[in-house]
């Protein structure tokens, strides 16, 4: 399928999500260190010894929030997973649409700022459905996505947009041999950038969720009950419980 931004879905995500995050991983990680309050509260109120999956774990900032549970991290970016492993976390590279876990494996699942990188309604629902598949009956999952109706500096005219990432030149290694090569299943080039003052600017794809859109997405899941939903820090979020009869 071709996205609203003119590229096939897989190519758009490869060029403007996967490749970009591999290039900016270290700089991105340096800016991601403080847990968001809603996520922190969710993780700290889990049952002792619970087993969880943080899908799209990034640099692993949530993997150690609650030492009384065990969380397996995963991310599409090999560079972010390398950072997780260097920090001593259990984490692997995998795709949200094809998770390598058995059905009903986890007591809880988190997806923080991930689903908005999926470039079609079908792929967004497929990602949510896959998260729900690995959740055991009685378990809960928390999903965060960027909101269209942001209260901060960002204002959007469209829902499908490119959001720039500014990397200072002193953080960028100009040696092309250090850039991440495309994954084996694609011919997508390394992510394009442009010079802007002293920065190199990479464009990341986002689908900005409007009010009620995330709720409607998880509402398509059979056997799901919404426990809590709201707006926090320019994001929409939802907590969903899987019915006991699963």
C-alpha atoms as a PDB file:
ATOM      1  CA  UNK A   1       0.000   0.000   0.000  1.00  0.00           C
ATOM      2  CA  UNK A   2       1.077   3.574  -0.646  1.00  0.00           C
ATOM      3  CA  UNK A   3       0.988   6.041   2.244  1.00  0.00           C
ATOM      4  CA  UNK A   4      -0.479   9.533   2.165  1.00  0.00           C
ATOM      5  CA  UNK A   5       3.088  10.849   1.935  1.00  0.00           C
ATOM      6  CA  UNK A   6       3.636   9.178  -1.436  1.00  0.00           C
ATOM      7  CA  UNK A   7       5.801   6.170  -0.527  1.00  0.00           C
ATOM      8  CA  UNK A   8       4.805   2.538   0.010  1.00  0.00           C
ATOM      9  CA  UNK A   9       4.218   1.901   3.722  1.00  0.00           C
ATOM     10  CA  UNK A  10       7.231  -0.352   4.258  1.00  0.00           C
ATOM     11  CA  UNK A  11       9.563   2.000   2.356  1.00  0.00           C
ATOM     12  CA  UNK A  12       8.297   5.060   4.223  1.00  0.00           C
ATOM     13  CA  UNK A  13       8.831   3.376   7.581  1.00  0.00           C
ATOM     14  CA  UNK A  14      12.239   2.051   6.549  1.00  0.00           C
ATOM     15  CA  UNK A  15      13.466   5.443   5.289  1.00  0.00           C
ATOM     16  CA  UNK A  16      11.903   7.691   7.913  1.00  0.00           C
ATOM     17  CA  UNK A  17      11.674   5.516  11.027  1.00  0.00           C
ATOM     18  CA  UNK A  18      14.001   2.507  11.074  1.00  0.00           C
ATOM     19  CA  UNK A  19      17.006   3.989   9.273  1.00  0.00           C
ATOM     20  CA  UNK A  20      16.662   7.346  11.006  1.00  0.00           C
ATOM     21  CA  UNK A  21      16.595   5.881  14.520  1.00  0.00           C
ATOM     22  CA  UNK A  22      19.673   3.804  13.800  1.00  0.00           C
ATOM     23  CA  UNK A  23      21.548   6.953  12.767  1.00  0.00           C
ATOM     24  CA  UNK A  24      20.355   9.159  15.643  1.00  0.00           C
ATOM     25  CA  UNK A  25      20.286   6.419  18.334  1.00  0.00           C
ATOM     26  CA  UNK A  26      23.035   7.765  20.614  1.00  0.00           C
ATOM     27  CA  UNK A  27      21.842  11.361  20.420  1.00  0.00           C
ATOM     28  CA  UNK A  28      18.216  10.252  20.880  1.00  0.00           C
ATOM     29  CA  UNK A  29      19.168   8.127  23.887  1.00  0.00           C
ATOM     30  CA  UNK A  30      20.911  11.066  25.545  1.00  0.00           C
ATOM     31  CA  UNK A  31      17.584  12.931  25.564  1.00  0.00           C
ATOM     32  CA  UNK A  32      15.516  10.012  26.952  1.00  0.00           C
ATOM     33  CA  UNK A  33      16.152   9.409  30.630  1.00  0.00           C
ATOM     34  CA  UNK A  34      13.172  10.503  32.757  1.00  0.00           C
ATOM     35  CA  UNK A  35      10.105   8.199  32.915  1.00  0.00           C
ATOM     36  CA  UNK A  36       6.731   9.767  32.132  1.00  0.00           C
ATOM     37  CA  UNK A  37       4.508   9.812  35.261  1.00  0.00           C
ATOM     38  CA  UNK A  38       1.647   7.725  33.819  1.00  0.00           C
ATOM     39  CA  UNK A  39       4.059   5.029  32.637  1.00  0.00           C
ATOM     40  CA  UNK A  40       5.955   5.133  35.928  1.00  0.00           C
ATOM     41  CA  UNK A  41       2.706   4.697  37.878  1.00  0.00           C
ATOM     42  CA  UNK A  42       1.564   1.803  35.655  1.00  0.00           C
ATOM     43  CA  UNK A  43       4.846  -0.065  36.105  1.00  0.00           C
ATOM     44  CA  UNK A  44       5.108   0.510  39.842  1.00  0.00           C
ATOM     45  CA  UNK A  45       1.627  -0.874  40.544  1.00  0.00           C
ATOM     46  CA  UNK A  46       2.175  -4.253  38.891  1.00  0.00           C
ATOM     47  CA  UNK A  47       1.992  -7.500  40.814  1.00  0.00           C
ATOM     48  CA  UNK A  48       5.244  -8.713  42.373  1.00  0.00           C
ATOM     49  CA  UNK A  49       7.103 -10.982  39.962  1.00  0.00           C
ATOM     50  CA  UNK A  50       5.020 -10.034  36.903  1.00  0.00           C
ATOM     51  CA  UNK A  51       6.522 -10.761  33.484  1.00  0.00           C
ATOM     52  CA  UNK A  52       6.237  -8.028  30.877  1.00  0.00           C
ATOM     53  CA  UNK A  53       7.185  -6.943  27.374  1.00  0.00           C
ATOM     54  CA  UNK A  54       8.209  -3.392  26.502  1.00  0.00           C
ATOM     55  CA  UNK A  55       7.702  -3.351  22.733  1.00  0.00           C
ATOM     56  CA  UNK A  56       9.568  -0.431  21.196  1.00  0.00           C
ATOM     57  CA  UNK A  57      11.705  -0.030  24.307  1.00  0.00           C
ATOM     58  CA  UNK A  58      14.111   2.493  22.771  1.00  0.00           C
ATOM     59  CA  UNK A  59      17.132   2.952  25.024  1.00  0.00           C
ATOM     60  CA  UNK A  60      15.482   0.937  27.818  1.00  0.00           C
ATOM     61  CA  UNK A  61      14.594   3.812  30.129  1.00  0.00           C
ATOM     62  CA  UNK A  62      11.519   1.930  31.402  1.00  0.00           C
ATOM     63  CA  UNK A  63      13.137  -1.484  31.808  1.00  0.00           C
ATOM     64  CA  UNK A  64      14.465  -0.760  35.302  1.00  0.00           C
ATOM     65  CA  UNK A  65      11.609   1.375  36.682  1.00  0.00           C
ATOM     66  CA  UNK A  66      10.247  -1.488  38.811  1.00  0.00           C
ATOM     67  CA  UNK A  67      12.891  -4.008  39.930  1.00  0.00           C
ATOM     68  CA  UNK A  68      10.127  -6.213  41.382  1.00  0.00           C
ATOM     69  CA  UNK A  69       8.990  -7.277  37.897  1.00  0.00           C
ATOM     70  CA  UNK A  70      10.888  -8.694  34.914  1.00  0.00           C
ATOM     71  CA  UNK A  71      10.546  -6.906  31.590  1.00  0.00           C
ATOM     72  CA  UNK A  72      11.846  -8.053  28.216  1.00  0.00           C
ATOM     73  CA  UNK A  73      12.594  -5.190  25.854  1.00  0.00           C
ATOM     74  CA  UNK A  74      12.409  -5.161  22.076  1.00  0.00           C
ATOM     75  CA  UNK A  75      12.880  -2.560  19.375  1.00  0.00           C
ATOM     76  CA  UNK A  76      13.220  -2.380  15.598  1.00  0.00           C
ATOM     77  CA  UNK A  77      16.437  -0.348  15.938  1.00  0.00           C
ATOM     78  CA  UNK A  78      19.551  -2.467  16.378  1.00  0.00           C
ATOM     79  CA  UNK A  79      21.474   0.592  17.604  1.00  0.00           C
ATOM     80  CA  UNK A  80      18.978   1.280  20.402  1.00  0.00           C
ATOM     81  CA  UNK A  81      19.058  -2.395  21.396  1.00  0.00           C
ATOM     82  CA  UNK A  82      22.851  -2.207  21.574  1.00  0.00           C
ATOM     83  CA  UNK A  83      22.436   0.645  24.062  1.00  0.00           C
ATOM     84  CA  UNK A  84      19.980  -1.457  26.097  1.00  0.00           C
ATOM     85  CA  UNK A  85      22.368  -4.400  26.206  1.00  0.00           C
ATOM     86  CA  UNK A  86      25.274  -2.169  27.202  1.00  0.00           C
ATOM     87  CA  UNK A  87      23.134  -1.121  30.176  1.00  0.00           C
ATOM     88  CA  UNK A  88      22.600  -4.750  31.145  1.00  0.00           C
ATOM     89  CA  UNK A  89      18.967  -5.072  30.011  1.00  0.00           C
ATOM     90  CA  UNK A  90      17.341  -8.100  28.403  1.00  0.00           C
ATOM     91  CA  UNK A  91      16.387  -6.805  24.965  1.00  0.00           C
ATOM     92  CA  UNK A  92      16.193  -7.978  21.361  1.00  0.00           C
ATOM     93  CA  UNK A  93      15.676  -6.661  17.858  1.00  0.00           C
ATOM     94  CA  UNK A  94      12.264  -7.515  16.408  1.00  0.00           C
ATOM     95  CA  UNK A  95       9.304  -6.062  14.531  1.00  0.00           C
ATOM     96  CA  UNK A  96       6.152  -4.993  16.383  1.00  0.00           C
ATOM     97  CA  UNK A  97       4.083  -6.575  13.594  1.00  0.00           C
ATOM     98  CA  UNK A  98       5.775  -9.991  14.015  1.00  0.00           C
ATOM     99  CA  UNK A  99       6.707 -10.460  17.645  1.00  0.00           C
ATOM    100  CA  UNK A 100       8.658 -13.658  18.433  1.00  0.00           C
ATOM    101  CA  UNK A 101       6.586 -14.529  21.515  1.00  0.00           C
ATOM    102  CA  UNK A 102       3.971 -17.205  22.164  1.00  0.00           C
ATOM    103  CA  UNK A 103       0.328 -16.259  22.622  1.00  0.00           C
ATOM    104  CA  UNK A 104      -0.605 -15.077  26.127  1.00  0.00           C
ATOM    105  CA  UNK A 105       3.022 -14.982  27.349  1.00  0.00           C
ATOM    106  CA  UNK A 106       3.060 -11.774  29.391  1.00  0.00           C
ATOM    107  CA  UNK A 107       1.307 -10.330  32.434  1.00  0.00           C
ATOM    108  CA  UNK A 108       1.730  -6.801  31.065  1.00  0.00           C
ATOM    109  CA  UNK A 109       2.751  -5.103  27.833  1.00  0.00           C
ATOM    110  CA  UNK A 110       3.848  -1.522  27.218  1.00  0.00           C
ATOM    111  CA  UNK A 111       4.055   0.373  23.920  1.00  0.00           C
ATOM    112  CA  UNK A 112       5.335   3.889  24.519  1.00  0.00           C
ATOM    113  CA  UNK A 113       5.499   6.221  21.503  1.00  0.00           C
ATOM    114  CA  UNK A 114       5.626   3.450  18.905  1.00  0.00           C
ATOM    115  CA  UNK A 115       2.285   2.881  17.135  1.00  0.00           C
ATOM    116  CA  UNK A 116       2.319   6.404  15.675  1.00  0.00           C
ATOM    117  CA  UNK A 117       5.255   5.316  13.478  1.00  0.00           C
ATOM    118  CA  UNK A 118       3.020   2.822  11.608  1.00  0.00           C
ATOM    119  CA  UNK A 119       1.988   4.382   8.324  1.00  0.00           C
ATOM    120  CA  UNK A 120      -1.481   2.943   7.624  1.00  0.00           C
ATOM    121  CA  UNK A 121      -4.626   2.114   9.638  1.00  0.00           C
ATOM    122  CA  UNK A 122      -4.086  -1.576   8.872  1.00  0.00           C
ATOM    123  CA  UNK A 123      -0.510  -1.545  10.141  1.00  0.00           C
ATOM    124  CA  UNK A 124      -1.454   0.418  13.268  1.00  0.00           C
ATOM    125  CA  UNK A 125      -4.200  -2.062  14.115  1.00  0.00           C
ATOM    126  CA  UNK A 126      -1.901  -4.979  13.273  1.00  0.00           C
ATOM    127  CA  UNK A 127       0.652  -3.659  15.756  1.00  0.00           C
ATOM    128  CA  UNK A 128      -1.966  -3.252  18.501  1.00  0.00           C
ATOM    129  CA  UNK A 129      -3.416  -6.688  17.739  1.00  0.00           C
ATOM    130  CA  UNK A 130       0.044  -8.228  18.063  1.00  0.00           C
ATOM    131  CA  UNK A 131       0.566  -6.577  21.464  1.00  0.00           C
ATOM    132  CA  UNK A 132      -2.784  -7.941  22.598  1.00  0.00           C
ATOM    133  CA  UNK A 133      -1.960 -11.430  21.287  1.00  0.00           C
ATOM    134  CA  UNK A 134       1.027 -11.830  23.597  1.00  0.00           C
ATOM    135  CA  UNK A 135      -0.891 -10.551  26.652  1.00  0.00           C
ATOM    136  CA  UNK A 136      -2.282 -13.217  28.966  1.00  0.00           C
ATOM    137  CA  UNK A 137      -5.967 -13.206  30.028  1.00  0.00           C
ATOM    138  CA  UNK A 138      -6.290 -10.848  32.979  1.00  0.00           C
ATOM    139  CA  UNK A 139      -3.188  -8.911  31.939  1.00  0.00           C
ATOM    140  CA  UNK A 140      -2.970  -5.209  31.112  1.00  0.00           C
ATOM    141  CA  UNK A 141      -1.264  -3.188  28.421  1.00  0.00           C
ATOM    142  CA  UNK A 142      -0.430   0.500  28.230  1.00  0.00           C
ATOM    143  CA  UNK A 143      -0.157   2.314  24.895  1.00  0.00           C
ATOM    144  CA  UNK A 144       1.038   5.900  24.323  1.00  0.00           C
ATOM    145  CA  UNK A 145       0.890   7.759  20.976  1.00  0.00           C
ATOM    146  CA  UNK A 146       1.543  11.350  19.977  1.00  0.00           C
ATOM    147  CA  UNK A 147      -1.535  13.574  19.930  1.00  0.00           C
ATOM    148  CA  UNK A 148      -2.625  15.761  17.025  1.00  0.00           C
ATOM    149  CA  UNK A 149      -4.034  18.250  19.553  1.00  0.00           C
ATOM    150  CA  UNK A 150      -0.744  19.176  21.217  1.00  0.00           C
ATOM    151  CA  UNK A 151      -0.565  21.920  23.820  1.00  0.00           C
ATOM    152  CA  UNK A 152       3.149  22.617  23.377  1.00  0.00           C
ATOM    153  CA  UNK A 153       5.094  24.292  20.581  1.00  0.00           C
ATOM    154  CA  UNK A 154       4.229  21.751  17.896  1.00  0.00           C
ATOM    155  CA  UNK A 155       1.136  22.469  15.799  1.00  0.00           C
ATOM    156  CA  UNK A 156       0.058  20.192  12.961  1.00  0.00           C
ATOM    157  CA  UNK A 157      -2.129  20.769   9.909  1.00  0.00           C
ATOM    158  CA  UNK A 158      -2.180  17.117   8.857  1.00  0.00           C
ATOM    159  CA  UNK A 159      -2.171  13.832  10.728  1.00  0.00           C
ATOM    160  CA  UNK A 160       0.541  12.171   8.636  1.00  0.00           C
ATOM    161  CA  UNK A 161       3.665  14.266   8.955  1.00  0.00           C
ATOM    162  CA  UNK A 162       7.440  14.360   9.097  1.00  0.00           C
ATOM    163  CA  UNK A 163       8.862  15.556  12.418  1.00  0.00           C
ATOM    164  CA  UNK A 164      12.478  16.779  12.251  1.00  0.00           C
ATOM    165  CA  UNK A 165      15.250  15.510  14.481  1.00  0.00           C
ATOM    166  CA  UNK A 166      18.094  18.018  14.792  1.00  0.00           C
ATOM    167  CA  UNK A 167      21.480  16.451  15.349  1.00  0.00           C
ATOM    168  CA  UNK A 168      24.306  18.882  16.180  1.00  0.00           C
ATOM    169  CA  UNK A 169      27.300  18.388  13.908  1.00  0.00           C
ATOM    170  CA  UNK A 170      29.557  17.612  16.835  1.00  0.00           C
ATOM    171  CA  UNK A 171      27.358  14.578  17.578  1.00  0.00           C
ATOM    172  CA  UNK A 172      27.389  13.293  14.002  1.00  0.00           C
ATOM    173  CA  UNK A 173      30.133  11.069  12.621  1.00  0.00           C
ATOM    174  CA  UNK A 174      30.715  12.175   9.010  1.00  0.00           C
ATOM    175  CA  UNK A 175      32.440   8.883   8.124  1.00  0.00           C
ATOM    176  CA  UNK A 176      29.901   7.198   5.834  1.00  0.00           C
ATOM    177  CA  UNK A 177      31.197   3.801   6.892  1.00  0.00           C
ATOM    178  CA  UNK A 178      29.603   4.444  10.285  1.00  0.00           C
ATOM    179  CA  UNK A 179      26.114   4.920   8.872  1.00  0.00           C
ATOM    180  CA  UNK A 180      23.691   2.065   9.280  1.00  0.00           C
ATOM    181  CA  UNK A 181      23.138   0.040   6.131  1.00  0.00           C
ATOM    182  CA  UNK A 182      19.587  -0.766   5.034  1.00  0.00           C
ATOM    183  CA  UNK A 183      18.119  -3.974   6.434  1.00  0.00           C
ATOM    184  CA  UNK A 184      18.373  -7.078   4.198  1.00  0.00           C
ATOM    185  CA  UNK A 185      14.686  -7.078   3.233  1.00  0.00           C
ATOM    186  CA  UNK A 186      14.689  -3.621   1.631  1.00  0.00           C
ATOM    187  CA  UNK A 187      16.550  -1.538  -0.905  1.00  0.00           C
ATOM    188  CA  UNK A 188      15.813   1.690   0.934  1.00  0.00           C
ATOM    189  CA  UNK A 189      18.750   4.124   1.019  1.00  0.00           C
ATOM    190  CA  UNK A 190      20.297   5.519   4.173  1.00  0.00           C
ATOM    191  CA  UNK A 191      18.080   8.284   5.597  1.00  0.00           C
ATOM    192  CA  UNK A 192      18.377  11.619   3.824  1.00  0.00           C
ATOM    193  CA  UNK A 193      19.306  14.689   5.808  1.00  0.00           C
ATOM    194  CA  UNK A 194      19.686  18.374   5.151  1.00  0.00           C
ATOM    195  CA  UNK A 195      22.034  20.940   6.588  1.00  0.00           C
ATOM    196  CA  UNK A 196      20.405  23.588   8.767  1.00  0.00           C
ATOM    197  CA  UNK A 197      22.890  25.887  10.447  1.00  0.00           C
ATOM    198  CA  UNK A 198      25.062  23.692  12.624  1.00  0.00           C
ATOM    199  CA  UNK A 199      22.584  20.797  12.617  1.00  0.00           C
ATOM    200  CA  UNK A 200      21.864  17.866  10.378  1.00  0.00           C
ATOM    201  CA  UNK A 201      18.126  17.362  10.247  1.00  0.00           C
ATOM    202  CA  UNK A 202      16.503  13.946   9.827  1.00  0.00           C
ATOM    203  CA  UNK A 203      12.812  13.563   9.095  1.00  0.00           C
ATOM    204  CA  UNK A 204      10.854  11.023  11.176  1.00  0.00           C
ATOM    205  CA  UNK A 205       7.413   9.825  10.070  1.00  0.00           C
ATOM    206  CA  UNK A 206       4.499  10.163  12.519  1.00  0.00           C
ATOM    207  CA  UNK A 207       0.764   9.579  12.356  1.00  0.00           C
ATOM    208  CA  UNK A 208      -0.677  12.082  14.815  1.00  0.00           C
ATOM    209  CA  UNK A 209      -3.643  10.567  16.654  1.00  0.00           C
ATOM    210  CA  UNK A 210      -6.772  12.663  17.088  1.00  0.00           C
ATOM    211  CA  UNK A 211      -8.950  12.500  20.217  1.00  0.00           C
ATOM    212  CA  UNK A 212     -10.766   9.172  20.381  1.00  0.00           C
ATOM    213  CA  UNK A 213      -8.728   7.550  17.611  1.00  0.00           C
ATOM    214  CA  UNK A 214      -6.587   5.392  19.898  1.00  0.00           C
ATOM    215  CA  UNK A 215      -9.670   4.376  21.895  1.00  0.00           C
ATOM    216  CA  UNK A 216     -11.408   3.338  18.677  1.00  0.00           C
ATOM    217  CA  UNK A 217      -8.350   1.372  17.578  1.00  0.00           C
ATOM    218  CA  UNK A 218      -8.158  -0.743  20.738  1.00  0.00           C
ATOM    219  CA  UNK A 219     -11.941  -0.970  20.712  1.00  0.00           C
ATOM    220  CA  UNK A 220     -11.626  -3.260  17.688  1.00  0.00           C
ATOM    221  CA  UNK A 221      -9.906  -5.888  19.838  1.00  0.00           C
ATOM    222  CA  UNK A 222     -12.163  -8.749  20.813  1.00  0.00           C
ATOM    223  CA  UNK A 223     -11.973  -9.428  24.542  1.00  0.00           C
ATOM    224  CA  UNK A 224     -10.455  -6.064  25.484  1.00  0.00           C
ATOM    225  CA  UNK A 225     -11.735  -3.729  28.189  1.00  0.00           C
ATOM    226  CA  UNK A 226     -10.485  -0.153  28.474  1.00  0.00           C
ATOM    227  CA  UNK A 227      -9.544   0.528  32.092  1.00  0.00           C
ATOM    228  CA  UNK A 228      -8.221   4.046  31.714  1.00  0.00           C
ATOM    229  CA  UNK A 229      -7.649   6.533  28.916  1.00  0.00           C
ATOM    230  CA  UNK A 230      -6.441  10.108  28.786  1.00  0.00           C
ATOM    231  CA  UNK A 231      -4.067  12.813  27.594  1.00  0.00           C
ATOM    232  CA  UNK A 232      -0.606  13.366  29.034  1.00  0.00           C
ATOM    233  CA  UNK A 233       2.386  15.367  27.828  1.00  0.00           C
ATOM    234  CA  UNK A 234       1.060  15.825  24.289  1.00  0.00           C
ATOM    235  CA  UNK A 235       0.168  12.128  24.056  1.00  0.00           C
ATOM    236  CA  UNK A 236      -3.012  10.086  24.082  1.00  0.00           C
ATOM    237  CA  UNK A 237      -2.788   6.921  26.173  1.00  0.00           C
ATOM    238  CA  UNK A 238      -4.942   3.952  27.039  1.00  0.00           C
ATOM    239  CA  UNK A 239      -4.746   1.088  29.542  1.00  0.00           C
ATOM    240  CA  UNK A 240      -6.474  -2.065  28.303  1.00  0.00           C
ATOM    241  CA  UNK A 241      -7.191  -5.301  30.183  1.00  0.00           C
ATOM    242  CA  UNK A 242      -7.580  -8.645  28.436  1.00  0.00           C
ATOM    243  CA  UNK A 243     -10.724 -10.475  29.538  1.00  0.00           C
ATOM    244  CA  UNK A 244     -10.089 -13.511  31.730  1.00  0.00           C
ATOM    245  CA  UNK A 245     -11.757 -15.835  29.264  1.00  0.00           C
ATOM    246  CA  UNK A 246      -9.147 -14.525  26.818  1.00  0.00           C
END
